[in-house]
C-alpha atoms as a PDB file:
ATOM      1  CA  MET A   1      13.501   3.967 -19.636  1.00  0.00           C
ATOM      2  CA  PRO A   2       9.711   3.649 -20.919  1.00  0.00           C
ATOM      3  CA  GLY A   3       9.372  -0.086 -18.831  1.00  0.00           C
ATOM      4  CA  SER A   4       8.843   1.754 -15.977  1.00  0.00           C
ATOM      5  CA  ARG A   5       7.135   5.164 -17.202  1.00  0.00           C
ATOM      6  CA  GLN A   6       4.315   2.138 -17.629  1.00  0.00           C
ATOM      7  CA  PHE A   7       4.654   0.269 -14.420  1.00  0.00           C
ATOM      8  CA  ALA A   8       4.045   3.859 -12.639  1.00  0.00           C
ATOM      9  CA  LEU A   9       0.934   4.124 -15.410  1.00  0.00           C
ATOM     10  CA  THR A  10      -0.311   1.499 -14.518  1.00  0.00           C
ATOM     11  CA  THR A  11       0.264   0.857 -10.736  1.00  0.00           C
ATOM     12  CA  VAL A  12      -1.668   4.262 -11.257  1.00  0.00           C
ATOM     13  CA  LEU A  13      -4.601   3.092 -12.362  1.00  0.00           C
ATOM     14  CA  VAL A  14      -4.579   0.559 -10.384  1.00  0.00           C
ATOM     15  CA  GLY A  15      -5.433   3.264  -7.722  1.00  0.00           C
ATOM     16  CA  VAL A  16      -7.726   4.747  -9.430  1.00  0.00           C
ATOM     17  CA  ILE A  17      -9.645   2.076 -10.568  1.00  0.00           C
ATOM     18  CA  ALA A  18      -9.983   1.173  -6.664  1.00  0.00           C
ATOM     19  CA  LEU A  19     -10.631   4.679  -6.145  1.00  0.00           C
ATOM     20  CA  THR A  20     -13.469   4.896  -8.226  1.00  0.00           C
ATOM     21  CA  HIS A  21     -14.861   1.757  -7.452  1.00  0.00           C
ATOM     22  CA  ALA A  22     -14.571   3.096  -3.590  1.00  0.00           C
ATOM     23  CA  ALA A  23     -16.325   6.357  -4.750  1.00  0.00           C
ATOM     24  CA  PHE A  24     -19.425   4.387  -6.628  1.00  0.00           C
ATOM     25  CA  THR A  25     -19.793   2.313  -3.353  1.00  0.00           C
ATOM     26  CA  TRP A  26     -18.687   3.568   0.043  1.00  0.00           C
ATOM     27  CA  PRO A  27     -19.748   6.775   1.597  1.00  0.00           C
ATOM     28  CA  THR A  28     -17.937   9.918   0.190  1.00  0.00           C
ATOM     29  CA  ARG A  29     -16.153  10.423   3.487  1.00  0.00           C
ATOM     30  CA  ALA A  30     -14.962   7.209   4.309  1.00  0.00           C
ATOM     31  CA  THR A  31     -13.620   6.714   0.967  1.00  0.00           C
ATOM     32  CA  VAL A  32     -11.840  10.148   1.320  1.00  0.00           C
ATOM     33  CA  ALA A  33     -10.817   8.948   5.121  1.00  0.00           C
ATOM     34  CA  PHE A  34      -9.652   5.744   3.331  1.00  0.00           C
ATOM     35  CA  PHE A  35      -7.166   6.344   0.391  1.00  0.00           C
ATOM     36  CA  VAL A  36      -5.997  10.447   1.819  1.00  0.00           C
ATOM     37  CA  GLY A  37      -5.286   8.773   4.865  1.00  0.00           C
ATOM     38  CA  GLY A  38      -4.004   5.376   3.477  1.00  0.00           C
ATOM     39  CA  ALA A  39      -1.680   7.549   1.180  1.00  0.00           C
ATOM     40  CA  LEU A  40      -0.501   9.378   3.970  1.00  0.00           C
ATOM     41  CA  ILE A  41       0.668   6.558   6.288  1.00  0.00           C
ATOM     42  CA  ALA A  42       2.575   4.528   2.920  1.00  0.00           C
ATOM     43  CA  PHE A  43       4.136   8.228   2.128  1.00  0.00           C
ATOM     44  CA  VAL A  44       5.474   8.559   6.058  1.00  0.00           C
ATOM     45  CA  ALA A  45       6.590   5.329   5.922  1.00  0.00           C
ATOM     46  CA  GLU A  46       8.480   5.038   2.583  1.00  0.00           C
ATOM     47  CA  ALA A  47      10.185   8.359   4.457  1.00  0.00           C
ATOM     48  CA  LEU A  48      11.054   6.789   7.017  1.00  0.00           C
ATOM     49  CA  VAL A  49      12.973   3.884   5.357  1.00  0.00           C
ATOM     50  CA  ILE A  50      14.429   6.421   2.336  1.00  0.00           C
ATOM     51  CA  GLY A  51      15.333   8.580   5.187  1.00  0.00           C
ATOM     52  CA  LEU A  52      17.058   5.542   7.227  1.00  0.00           C
ATOM     53  CA  GLY A  53      19.234   4.801   3.846  1.00  0.00           C
ATOM     54  CA  TRP A  54      17.019   1.166   3.301  1.00  0.00           C
ATOM     55  CA  LEU A  55      15.389   1.464   0.179  1.00  0.00           C
ATOM     56  CA  GLU A  56      16.048   3.882  -2.912  1.00  0.00           C
ATOM     57  CA  HIS A  57      13.649   4.659  -5.770  1.00  0.00           C
ATOM     58  CA  HIS A  58      14.560   5.091  -9.433  1.00  0.00           C
ATOM     59  CA  VAL A  59      11.040   6.195 -10.613  1.00  0.00           C
ATOM     60  CA  GLY A  60      10.375   9.171 -10.387  1.00  0.00           C
ATOM     61  CA  PRO A  61       8.637  12.086 -10.123  1.00  0.00           C
ATOM     62  CA  LYS A  62       9.161  11.780  -6.320  1.00  0.00           C
ATOM     63  CA  VAL A  63       8.630  13.951  -2.809  1.00  0.00           C
ATOM     64  CA  VAL A  64      11.858  13.571  -0.346  1.00  0.00           C
ATOM     65  CA  GLY A  65      12.475  10.528  -2.431  1.00  0.00           C
ATOM     66  CA  VAL A  66       8.805   9.126  -2.666  1.00  0.00           C
ATOM     67  CA  PRO A  67       7.546   8.380  -5.471  1.00  0.00           C
ATOM     68  CA  LEU A  68       3.944   9.661  -5.881  1.00  0.00           C
ATOM     69  CA  TYR A  69       3.276   6.475  -8.211  1.00  0.00           C
ATOM     70  CA  VAL A  70       3.432   4.608  -4.949  1.00  0.00           C
ATOM     71  CA  LEU A  71       0.869   6.240  -2.991  1.00  0.00           C
ATOM     72  CA  PHE A  72      -1.487   5.160  -5.430  1.00  0.00           C
ATOM     73  CA  GLY A  73      -0.345   2.064  -5.464  1.00  0.00           C
ATOM     74  CA  TRP A  74      -0.646   0.813  -1.964  1.00  0.00           C
ATOM     75  CA  THR A  75      -4.179   1.770  -0.846  1.00  0.00           C
ATOM     76  CA  GLY A  76      -5.089   0.076  -5.100  1.00  0.00           C
ATOM     77  CA  VAL A  77      -4.511  -2.509  -3.612  1.00  0.00           C
ATOM     78  CA  ILE A  78      -5.045  -1.982   0.095  1.00  0.00           C
ATOM     79  CA  TYR A  79      -8.236  -1.555  -1.201  1.00  0.00           C
ATOM     80  CA  VAL A  80      -8.990  -4.252  -3.504  1.00  0.00           C
ATOM     81  CA  ALA A  81      -7.296  -6.632  -0.366  1.00  0.00           C
ATOM     82  CA  LEU A  82      -9.330  -5.140   2.089  1.00  0.00           C
ATOM     83  CA  ARG A  83     -12.990  -5.669  -0.184  1.00  0.00           C
ATOM     84  CA  LEU A  84     -11.284  -9.211  -0.780  1.00  0.00           C
ATOM     85  CA  ALA A  85     -11.375  -9.428   3.039  1.00  0.00           C
ATOM     86  CA  PHE A  86     -15.253  -8.132   4.255  1.00  0.00           C
ATOM     87  CA  LEU A  87     -16.180 -11.456   1.671  1.00  0.00           C
ATOM     88  CA  ALA A  88     -15.134 -13.554   4.182  1.00  0.00           C
ATOM     89  CA  VAL A  89     -14.849 -12.275   7.771  1.00  0.00           C
ATOM     90  CA  ASP A  90     -16.565  -9.155   9.463  1.00  0.00           C
ATOM     91  CA  GLY A  91     -15.444  -6.783  12.335  1.00  0.00           C
ATOM     92  CA  TRP A  92     -11.783  -6.678  13.375  1.00  0.00           C
ATOM     93  CA  ASN A  93     -11.162  -9.570  11.771  1.00  0.00           C
ATOM     94  CA  VAL A  94     -11.414  -7.938   8.451  1.00  0.00           C
ATOM     95  CA  VAL A  95      -8.556  -5.063   9.180  1.00  0.00           C
ATOM     96  CA  VAL A  96      -6.085  -8.795   9.698  1.00  0.00           C
ATOM     97  CA  LEU A  97      -7.200 -10.919   7.032  1.00  0.00           C
ATOM     98  CA  ALA A  98      -6.748  -7.105   5.008  1.00  0.00           C
ATOM     99  CA  ALA A  99      -3.269  -6.955   6.194  1.00  0.00           C
ATOM    100  CA  ALA A 100      -2.316 -10.321   5.209  1.00  0.00           C
ATOM    101  CA  LEU A 101      -3.852 -10.489   1.913  1.00  0.00           C
ATOM    102  CA  ALA A 102      -1.952  -7.218   0.567  1.00  0.00           C
ATOM    103  CA  THR A 103       1.007  -8.275   2.290  1.00  0.00           C
ATOM    104  CA  GLY A 104       1.052 -11.891   0.016  1.00  0.00           C
ATOM    105  CA  TYR A 105       0.906  -9.666  -3.168  1.00  0.00           C
ATOM    106  CA  ASP A 106       3.657  -8.150  -1.676  1.00  0.00           C
ATOM    107  CA  LEU A 107       5.550 -11.035  -1.347  1.00  0.00           C
ATOM    108  CA  LEU A 108       4.574 -12.287  -4.837  1.00  0.00           C
ATOM    109  CA  VAL A 109       5.423  -9.365  -6.972  1.00  0.00           C
ATOM    110  CA  ASP A 110       8.198  -7.032  -5.077  1.00  0.00           C
ATOM    111  CA  HIS A 111      11.605  -8.248  -5.926  1.00  0.00           C
ATOM    112  CA  GLN A 112      10.004  -7.879 -10.066  1.00  0.00           C
ATOM    113  CA  GLY A 113      10.268  -4.386  -9.069  1.00  0.00           C
ATOM    114  CA  VAL A 114      13.857  -4.913  -7.497  1.00  0.00           C
ATOM    115  CA  GLU A 115      14.724  -7.228 -11.046  1.00  0.00           C
ATOM    116  CA  GLU A 116      13.120  -4.339 -12.776  1.00  0.00           C
ATOM    117  CA  GLY A 117      15.453  -1.497 -11.315  1.00  0.00           C
ATOM    118  CA  TYR A 118      12.523   0.391 -10.101  1.00  0.00           C
ATOM    119  CA  TRP A 119      13.840   0.021  -6.207  1.00  0.00           C
ATOM    120  CA  THR A 120      16.213  -1.148  -4.651  1.00  0.00           C
ATOM    121  CA  TYR A 121      16.616  -2.045  -1.341  1.00  0.00           C
ATOM    122  CA  THR A 122      19.954  -0.820   0.294  1.00  0.00           C
ATOM    123  CA  ASP A 123      19.722  -1.894   4.091  1.00  0.00           C
ATOM    124  CA  SER A 124      22.199  -4.089   5.933  1.00  0.00           C
ATOM    125  CA  LEU A 125      19.840  -5.377   8.314  1.00  0.00           C
ATOM    126  CA  PRO A 126      20.542  -8.443   9.557  1.00  0.00           C
ATOM    127  CA  GLY A 127      17.887 -11.841   8.534  1.00  0.00           C
ATOM    128  CA  PRO A 128      16.212 -13.517   5.882  1.00  0.00           C
ATOM    129  CA  ARG A 129      15.435 -11.835   2.307  1.00  0.00           C
ATOM    130  CA  ARG A 130      12.785 -12.772  -0.607  1.00  0.00           C
ATOM    131  CA  ARG A 131      14.149 -13.003  -4.128  1.00  0.00           C
ATOM    132  CA  GLY A 132      16.274  -9.663  -2.916  1.00  0.00           C
ATOM    133  CA  VAL A 133      13.071  -8.089  -0.316  1.00  0.00           C
ATOM    134  CA  PRO A 134      14.141  -8.174   3.150  1.00  0.00           C
ATOM    135  CA  TRP A 135      12.004  -9.312   6.319  1.00  0.00           C
ATOM    136  CA  TRP A 136      11.393  -5.736   6.796  1.00  0.00           C
ATOM    137  CA  ASN A 137       9.856  -5.128   3.848  1.00  0.00           C
ATOM    138  CA  PHE A 138       6.652  -7.445   4.467  1.00  0.00           C
ATOM    139  CA  LEU A 139       6.508  -6.593   8.153  1.00  0.00           C
ATOM    140  CA  GLY A 140       6.200  -3.089   7.090  1.00  0.00           C
ATOM    141  CA  TRP A 141       3.491  -4.105   4.556  1.00  0.00           C
ATOM    142  CA  PHE A 142       1.709  -6.100   7.153  1.00  0.00           C
ATOM    143  CA  VAL A 143       1.701  -2.755   9.322  1.00  0.00           C
ATOM    144  CA  ILE A 144       0.695  -0.087   6.964  1.00  0.00           C
ATOM    145  CA  SER A 145      -1.931  -2.006   5.398  1.00  0.00           C
ATOM    146  CA  GLY A 146      -3.826  -3.034   8.648  1.00  0.00           C
ATOM    147  CA  LEU A 147      -3.735   0.889   9.737  1.00  0.00           C
ATOM    148  CA  THR A 148      -5.099   1.872   6.303  1.00  0.00           C
ATOM    149  CA  ALA A 149      -7.365  -1.036   6.585  1.00  0.00           C
ATOM    150  CA  ALA A 150      -8.257  -0.001  10.613  1.00  0.00           C
ATOM    151  CA  ILE A 151      -9.944   3.482   8.875  1.00  0.00           C
ATOM    152  CA  ALA A 152     -11.987   1.901   6.723  1.00  0.00           C
ATOM    153  CA  VAL A 153     -12.873  -0.928   9.150  1.00  0.00           C
ATOM    154  CA  SER A 154     -13.748   1.700  11.503  1.00  0.00           C
ATOM    155  CA  LEU A 155     -15.953   4.353   9.948  1.00  0.00           C
ATOM    156  CA  LEU A 156     -17.673   1.042   7.653  1.00  0.00           C
ATOM    157  CA  GLU A 157     -18.091  -1.128  10.173  1.00  0.00           C
ATOM    158  CA  PHE A 158     -18.239   0.734  13.606  1.00  0.00           C
ATOM    159  CA  GLY A 159     -19.938   3.955  12.452  1.00  0.00           C
ATOM    160  CA  LEU A 160     -16.923   6.320  13.989  1.00  0.00           C
ATOM    161  CA  PRO A 161     -16.487   9.730  13.553  1.00  0.00           C
ATOM    162  CA  PHE A 162     -16.283  10.541   9.476  1.00  0.00           C
ATOM    163  CA  ALA A 163     -18.990   7.985   7.765  1.00  0.00           C
ATOM    164  CA  ASP A 164     -21.716   9.556   5.891  1.00  0.00           C
END
C-alpha cells in the first residue's frame, strides 16, 4: 500500500520537524521530556484502546499493535498546538487551549485515516460518531494532548524540575 507508506512518512516528518524546532527554541531537557513523555503517553493510550479491541491499525511497523509513526504524529501535532496556544494565553490556560487545538485538528482529519484504511474503529460502544470516528477518540485526544502539553508548561512556564 504505497499511500500508507507516504502517510506514515509524512506523519514522521511532522514529528521530526516539530522536534527540530523545539531543539532550537526550548531547553534540551524540556524538549526531551516533552517528546519522550508525549510519545510514552500516546503509546500507553493507543496500546490500551487496541488491547480493549476498540481500534486496529493497518500500517506498520508496530509494537503491541501500536504503529511507531503514530508516536511522531501525536507529539508533532501537540507541539504545534502548544506553540499556537503559547501565543494566545499563558499559564495553565495554555494546556487547555493546546488540548482543544490538537483535538480540533483530529476532529478535522481522523476520518480520512479511516476512509483510507489506515485504521479501523472496532468498538461497539454507544454514543455519537463523526464520520466513523467514535466520541471517545476525541476525548482521548483531549486528555492525551492536555497531559503532554502539561509536561511542557510545567517545565517552561513554572520552572519545575528538569528545565535547563
